[in-house]
Amino acid sequence: MASLSRTIISLASRSSWLCYSKNTMRQTNTIKRTILTSAAVLSKEKSFWNLGKLNHLAIAVPDLEKATAFYRDVLGASVSDQLPLPEHGVTTVFIDLGNTKIELLHPLGENSPIEGFLSKKPEGGMHHICIEVDNIKDAMKDLVSNKIRTLSKEPRIGAHNKPVVFLHPKDCGGVLVELEEA
């Protein structure tokens, strides 16, 4: 839809439209105005980014070794090594489910957001969902214009070495949503 909108705008804005009579010229100008108006409406309705697949579900855990062993030894899942991410205040382990992943989150450092989560819910639990987008900057602009708050002004590099941003749970039905550029 977005590329169609850009194509329409491009065609409509060209001045090389052929006009054979005054009548044809009036019709052409009317068509041109209609196309430009339609294209403007289309671009407002559909932004220049697309939502992708569910990348992972994140679970905060008080004991990373115990949680990893459960998924690996009891359920037989393929699990990654521990990955410390000091800039995010977490250590992660990813469990590969084939069509998506589970991310285990454990606090790392004194200012870990997971420490606060676990202080309210000591047994751990669902922390956030991560959905892929094809253009994170455009997604952020569009979401902010729709009154969805982001937890940072700019994307940061996440566990997959790709730009990520979190959306405020109060604006997302009570769910912390992470967007990751695919």
C-alpha atoms as a PDB file:
ATOM      1  CA  MET A   1       0.000   0.000   0.000  1.00  0.00           C
ATOM      2  CA  ALA A   2       2.795   2.415   0.911  1.00  0.00           C
ATOM      3  CA  SER A   3       4.670   1.795  -2.342  1.00  0.00           C
ATOM      4  CA  LEU A   4       1.431   2.250  -4.304  1.00  0.00           C
ATOM      5  CA  SER A   5       0.915   5.551  -2.534  1.00  0.00           C
ATOM      6  CA  ARG A   6       4.473   6.689  -3.394  1.00  0.00           C
ATOM      7  CA  THR A   7       3.987   5.663  -7.038  1.00  0.00           C
ATOM      8  CA  ILE A   8       0.711   7.579  -7.280  1.00  0.00           C
ATOM      9  CA  ILE A   9       2.284  10.698  -5.778  1.00  0.00           C
ATOM     10  CA  SER A  10       5.213  10.412  -8.178  1.00  0.00           C
ATOM     11  CA  LEU A  11       2.963  10.055 -11.221  1.00  0.00           C
ATOM     12  CA  ALA A  12       0.586  12.788 -10.161  1.00  0.00           C
ATOM     13  CA  SER A  13       3.308  15.312  -9.469  1.00  0.00           C
ATOM     14  CA  ARG A  14       4.976  15.011 -12.875  1.00  0.00           C
ATOM     15  CA  SER A  15       4.323  17.978 -15.113  1.00  0.00           C
ATOM     16  CA  SER A  16       4.685  16.006 -18.334  1.00  0.00           C
ATOM     17  CA  TRP A  17       1.078  14.858 -18.562  1.00  0.00           C
ATOM     18  CA  LEU A  18      -0.149  15.293 -22.134  1.00  0.00           C
ATOM     19  CA  CYS A  19      -3.170  17.553 -22.630  1.00  0.00           C
ATOM     20  CA  TYR A  20      -4.731  17.819 -26.090  1.00  0.00           C
ATOM     21  CA  SER A  21      -7.507  20.361 -25.396  1.00  0.00           C
ATOM     22  CA  LYS A  22      -8.753  22.689 -22.683  1.00  0.00           C
ATOM     23  CA  ASN A  23     -11.398  20.136 -21.780  1.00  0.00           C
ATOM     24  CA  THR A  24      -8.840  17.334 -21.501  1.00  0.00           C
ATOM     25  CA  MET A  25      -6.582  19.631 -19.508  1.00  0.00           C
ATOM     26  CA  ARG A  26      -9.405  20.339 -16.990  1.00  0.00           C
ATOM     27  CA  GLN A  27     -10.126  16.626 -16.710  1.00  0.00           C
ATOM     28  CA  THR A  28      -6.447  15.891 -16.270  1.00  0.00           C
ATOM     29  CA  ASN A  29      -6.116  18.504 -13.496  1.00  0.00           C
ATOM     30  CA  THR A  30      -9.185  17.083 -11.749  1.00  0.00           C
ATOM     31  CA  ILE A  31      -7.776  13.563 -11.986  1.00  0.00           C
ATOM     32  CA  LYS A  32      -4.400  14.824 -10.784  1.00  0.00           C
ATOM     33  CA  ARG A  33      -5.986  16.505  -7.709  1.00  0.00           C
ATOM     34  CA  THR A  34      -8.010  13.371  -6.948  1.00  0.00           C
ATOM     35  CA  ILE A  35      -4.947  11.131  -7.197  1.00  0.00           C
ATOM     36  CA  LEU A  36      -2.883  13.424  -4.962  1.00  0.00           C
ATOM     37  CA  THR A  37      -5.667  13.598  -2.376  1.00  0.00           C
ATOM     38  CA  SER A  38      -6.127   9.819  -2.446  1.00  0.00           C
ATOM     39  CA  ALA A  39      -2.402   9.258  -2.122  1.00  0.00           C
ATOM     40  CA  ALA A  40      -2.232  11.612   0.873  1.00  0.00           C
ATOM     41  CA  VAL A  41      -5.077   9.739   2.555  1.00  0.00           C
ATOM     42  CA  LEU A  42      -3.431   6.384   1.803  1.00  0.00           C
ATOM     43  CA  SER A  43      -0.123   7.501   3.286  1.00  0.00           C
ATOM     44  CA  LYS A  44      -1.840   8.677   6.474  1.00  0.00           C
ATOM     45  CA  GLU A  45      -3.800   5.435   6.776  1.00  0.00           C
ATOM     46  CA  LYS A  46      -0.827   3.147   6.188  1.00  0.00           C
ATOM     47  CA  SER A  47       2.635   4.054   7.391  1.00  0.00           C
ATOM     48  CA  PHE A  48       5.897   3.112   5.747  1.00  0.00           C
ATOM     49  CA  TRP A  49       6.639   0.221   8.120  1.00  0.00           C
ATOM     50  CA  ASN A  50       5.221  -3.244   8.611  1.00  0.00           C
ATOM     51  CA  LEU A  51       4.668  -5.459  11.598  1.00  0.00           C
ATOM     52  CA  GLY A  52       6.430  -8.800  11.328  1.00  0.00           C
ATOM     53  CA  LYS A  53       6.408 -12.044  13.265  1.00  0.00           C
ATOM     54  CA  LEU A  54       6.584 -12.736  16.980  1.00  0.00           C
ATOM     55  CA  ASN A  55      10.310 -12.887  17.717  1.00  0.00           C
ATOM     56  CA  HIS A  56      10.165 -14.056  21.337  1.00  0.00           C
ATOM     57  CA  LEU A  57       8.367 -14.132  24.668  1.00  0.00           C
ATOM     58  CA  ALA A  58      10.509 -13.010  27.595  1.00  0.00           C
ATOM     59  CA  ILE A  59      10.241 -14.549  31.050  1.00  0.00           C
ATOM     60  CA  ALA A  60      11.938 -13.048  34.108  1.00  0.00           C
ATOM     61  CA  VAL A  61      13.448 -15.814  36.241  1.00  0.00           C
ATOM     62  CA  PRO A  62      14.941 -15.695  39.765  1.00  0.00           C
ATOM     63  CA  ASP A  63      17.224 -18.706  39.055  1.00  0.00           C
ATOM     64  CA  LEU A  64      18.627 -18.742  35.516  1.00  0.00           C
ATOM     65  CA  GLU A  65      20.382 -22.118  35.841  1.00  0.00           C
ATOM     66  CA  LYS A  66      17.232 -23.837  37.160  1.00  0.00           C
ATOM     67  CA  ALA A  67      15.021 -22.300  34.419  1.00  0.00           C
ATOM     68  CA  THR A  68      17.548 -23.209  31.700  1.00  0.00           C
ATOM     69  CA  ALA A  69      17.743 -26.787  32.978  1.00  0.00           C
ATOM     70  CA  PHE A  70      13.940 -27.082  32.909  1.00  0.00           C
ATOM     71  CA  TYR A  71      13.698 -26.134  29.224  1.00  0.00           C
ATOM     72  CA  ARG A  72      16.820 -28.108  28.189  1.00  0.00           C
ATOM     73  CA  ASP A  73      16.638 -31.231  30.386  1.00  0.00           C
ATOM     74  CA  VAL A  74      12.907 -31.669  31.038  1.00  0.00           C
ATOM     75  CA  LEU A  75      11.366 -30.310  27.829  1.00  0.00           C
ATOM     76  CA  GLY A  76      14.292 -31.194  25.549  1.00  0.00           C
ATOM     77  CA  ALA A  77      14.587 -27.751  23.998  1.00  0.00           C
ATOM     78  CA  SER A  78      17.687 -26.307  22.381  1.00  0.00           C
ATOM     79  CA  VAL A  79      19.029 -23.524  24.616  1.00  0.00           C
ATOM     80  CA  SER A  80      21.727 -20.910  24.055  1.00  0.00           C
ATOM     81  CA  ASP A  81      24.629 -20.076  26.311  1.00  0.00           C
ATOM     82  CA  GLN A  82      24.123 -17.298  28.829  1.00  0.00           C
ATOM     83  CA  LEU A  83      24.574 -13.880  27.254  1.00  0.00           C
ATOM     84  CA  PRO A  84      25.302 -11.006  29.660  1.00  0.00           C
ATOM     85  CA  LEU A  85      23.970  -7.650  28.451  1.00  0.00           C
ATOM     86  CA  PRO A  86      25.256  -5.099  30.999  1.00  0.00           C
ATOM     87  CA  GLU A  87      23.829  -2.144  29.030  1.00  0.00           C
ATOM     88  CA  HIS A  88      20.352  -3.655  29.536  1.00  0.00           C
ATOM     89  CA  GLY A  89      20.997  -4.947  33.070  1.00  0.00           C
ATOM     90  CA  VAL A  90      20.204  -8.574  32.187  1.00  0.00           C
ATOM     91  CA  THR A  91      21.688 -11.941  31.435  1.00  0.00           C
ATOM     92  CA  THR A  92      19.697 -13.813  28.800  1.00  0.00           C
ATOM     93  CA  VAL A  93      19.289 -17.371  27.603  1.00  0.00           C
ATOM     94  CA  PHE A  94      17.303 -18.079  24.434  1.00  0.00           C
ATOM     95  CA  ILE A  95      15.248 -21.226  23.983  1.00  0.00           C
ATOM     96  CA  ASP A  96      14.677 -22.097  20.338  1.00  0.00           C
ATOM     97  CA  LEU A  97      11.147 -23.315  19.588  1.00  0.00           C
ATOM     98  CA  GLY A  98      11.522 -23.438  15.812  1.00  0.00           C
ATOM     99  CA  ASN A  99       8.893 -20.822  14.934  1.00  0.00           C
ATOM    100  CA  THR A 100       9.797 -18.434  17.784  1.00  0.00           C
ATOM    101  CA  LYS A 101      11.929 -18.229  20.933  1.00  0.00           C
ATOM    102  CA  ILE A 102      11.582 -17.855  24.674  1.00  0.00           C
ATOM    103  CA  GLU A 103      14.024 -15.441  26.286  1.00  0.00           C
ATOM    104  CA  LEU A 104      14.911 -16.093  29.918  1.00  0.00           C
ATOM    105  CA  LEU A 105      15.872 -12.870  31.701  1.00  0.00           C
ATOM    106  CA  HIS A 106      17.898 -12.707  34.908  1.00  0.00           C
ATOM    107  CA  PRO A 107      19.081  -9.521  36.677  1.00  0.00           C
ATOM    108  CA  LEU A 108      22.610  -8.310  36.005  1.00  0.00           C
ATOM    109  CA  GLY A 109      24.022  -5.392  37.983  1.00  0.00           C
ATOM    110  CA  GLU A 110      22.493  -3.082  40.552  1.00  0.00           C
ATOM    111  CA  ASN A 111      20.109  -1.138  38.294  1.00  0.00           C
ATOM    112  CA  SER A 112      18.553  -4.096  36.507  1.00  0.00           C
ATOM    113  CA  PRO A 113      14.923  -3.581  35.483  1.00  0.00           C
ATOM    114  CA  ILE A 114      14.448  -7.327  36.065  1.00  0.00           C
ATOM    115  CA  GLU A 115      15.442  -6.930  39.728  1.00  0.00           C
ATOM    116  CA  GLY A 116      12.488  -4.556  40.179  1.00  0.00           C
ATOM    117  CA  PHE A 117      10.169  -6.995  38.372  1.00  0.00           C
ATOM    118  CA  LEU A 118      11.305  -9.898  40.573  1.00  0.00           C
ATOM    119  CA  SER A 119      10.929  -7.844  43.767  1.00  0.00           C
ATOM    120  CA  LYS A 120       7.202  -7.517  42.924  1.00  0.00           C
ATOM    121  CA  LYS A 121       6.899 -11.085  41.606  1.00  0.00           C
ATOM    122  CA  PRO A 122       9.608 -13.214  43.296  1.00  0.00           C
ATOM    123  CA  GLU A 123       8.672 -16.427  41.452  1.00  0.00           C
ATOM    124  CA  GLY A 124       9.240 -14.667  38.116  1.00  0.00           C
ATOM    125  CA  GLY A 125       6.896 -14.634  35.151  1.00  0.00           C
ATOM    126  CA  MET A 126       6.053 -13.201  31.758  1.00  0.00           C
ATOM    127  CA  HIS A 127       7.997  -9.956  31.253  1.00  0.00           C
ATOM    128  CA  HIS A 128       7.415  -8.854  27.628  1.00  0.00           C
ATOM    129  CA  ILE A 129       6.706  -9.890  24.071  1.00  0.00           C
ATOM    130  CA  CYS A 130       8.948  -8.979  21.146  1.00  0.00           C
ATOM    131  CA  ILE A 131       7.551  -8.351  17.669  1.00  0.00           C
ATOM    132  CA  GLU A 132       9.636  -7.702  14.579  1.00  0.00           C
ATOM    133  CA  VAL A 133       9.201  -4.587  12.422  1.00  0.00           C
ATOM    134  CA  ASP A 134      10.873  -3.808   9.115  1.00  0.00           C
ATOM    135  CA  ASN A 135      11.704  -0.167   9.971  1.00  0.00           C
ATOM    136  CA  ILE A 136      12.007   0.663  13.651  1.00  0.00           C
ATOM    137  CA  LYS A 137      12.489   4.443  13.240  1.00  0.00           C
ATOM    138  CA  ASP A 138       9.337   4.795  11.103  1.00  0.00           C
ATOM    139  CA  ALA A 139       7.458   2.523  13.513  1.00  0.00           C
ATOM    140  CA  MET A 140       8.492   4.738  16.436  1.00  0.00           C
ATOM    141  CA  LYS A 141       7.421   7.947  14.657  1.00  0.00           C
ATOM    142  CA  ASP A 142       4.062   6.442  13.755  1.00  0.00           C
ATOM    143  CA  LEU A 143       3.436   5.005  17.225  1.00  0.00           C
ATOM    144  CA  VAL A 144       4.357   8.282  18.964  1.00  0.00           C
ATOM    145  CA  SER A 145       1.993  10.154  16.611  1.00  0.00           C
ATOM    146  CA  ASN A 146      -0.702   7.704  17.760  1.00  0.00           C
ATOM    147  CA  LYS A 147       0.019   8.541  21.427  1.00  0.00           C
ATOM    148  CA  ILE A 148       1.918   5.300  22.166  1.00  0.00           C
ATOM    149  CA  ARG A 149       4.820   6.035  24.493  1.00  0.00           C
ATOM    150  CA  THR A 150       8.250   4.514  23.941  1.00  0.00           C
ATOM    151  CA  LEU A 151      10.544   3.870  26.895  1.00  0.00           C
ATOM    152  CA  SER A 152      13.489   5.476  25.092  1.00  0.00           C
ATOM    153  CA  LYS A 153      13.779   8.263  22.543  1.00  0.00           C
ATOM    154  CA  GLU A 154      16.066   6.217  20.285  1.00  0.00           C
ATOM    155  CA  PRO A 155      16.353   2.491  19.603  1.00  0.00           C
ATOM    156  CA  ARG A 156      19.107   0.603  21.402  1.00  0.00           C
ATOM    157  CA  ILE A 157      20.985  -2.486  20.273  1.00  0.00           C
ATOM    158  CA  GLY A 158      19.356  -5.601  21.742  1.00  0.00           C
ATOM    159  CA  ALA A 159      20.398  -9.200  22.388  1.00  0.00           C
ATOM    160  CA  HIS A 160      20.318 -10.070  18.668  1.00  0.00           C
ATOM    161  CA  ASN A 161      22.544  -7.072  17.773  1.00  0.00           C
ATOM    162  CA  LYS A 162      19.558  -5.360  16.166  1.00  0.00           C
ATOM    163  CA  PRO A 163      17.826  -2.078  17.084  1.00  0.00           C
ATOM    164  CA  VAL A 164      15.063  -2.471  19.690  1.00  0.00           C
ATOM    165  CA  VAL A 165      12.654  -0.196  21.515  1.00  0.00           C
ATOM    166  CA  PHE A 166      10.124  -0.892  24.261  1.00  0.00           C
ATOM    167  CA  LEU A 167       6.562   0.452  24.285  1.00  0.00           C
ATOM    168  CA  HIS A 168       4.886   1.519  27.515  1.00  0.00           C
ATOM    169  CA  PRO A 169       2.621  -1.251  28.848  1.00  0.00           C
ATOM    170  CA  LYS A 170      -0.086   1.259  29.834  1.00  0.00           C
ATOM    171  CA  ASP A 171      -0.471   2.080  26.134  1.00  0.00           C
ATOM    172  CA  CYS A 172      -0.398  -1.578  25.023  1.00  0.00           C
ATOM    173  CA  GLY A 173      -3.163  -3.260  27.004  1.00  0.00           C
ATOM    174  CA  GLY A 174      -0.972  -3.881  30.051  1.00  0.00           C
ATOM    175  CA  VAL A 175       1.742  -5.718  28.063  1.00  0.00           C
ATOM    176  CA  LEU A 176       5.327  -4.533  27.752  1.00  0.00           C
ATOM    177  CA  VAL A 177       6.024  -4.734  24.014  1.00  0.00           C
ATOM    178  CA  GLU A 178       9.497  -4.769  22.509  1.00  0.00           C
ATOM    179  CA  LEU A 179       9.897  -3.967  18.817  1.00  0.00           C
ATOM    180  CA  GLU A 180      12.959  -5.341  17.049  1.00  0.00           C
ATOM    181  CA  GLU A 181      14.046  -4.369  13.564  1.00  0.00           C
ATOM    182  CA  ALA A 182      14.134  -7.514  11.412  1.00  0.00           C
END
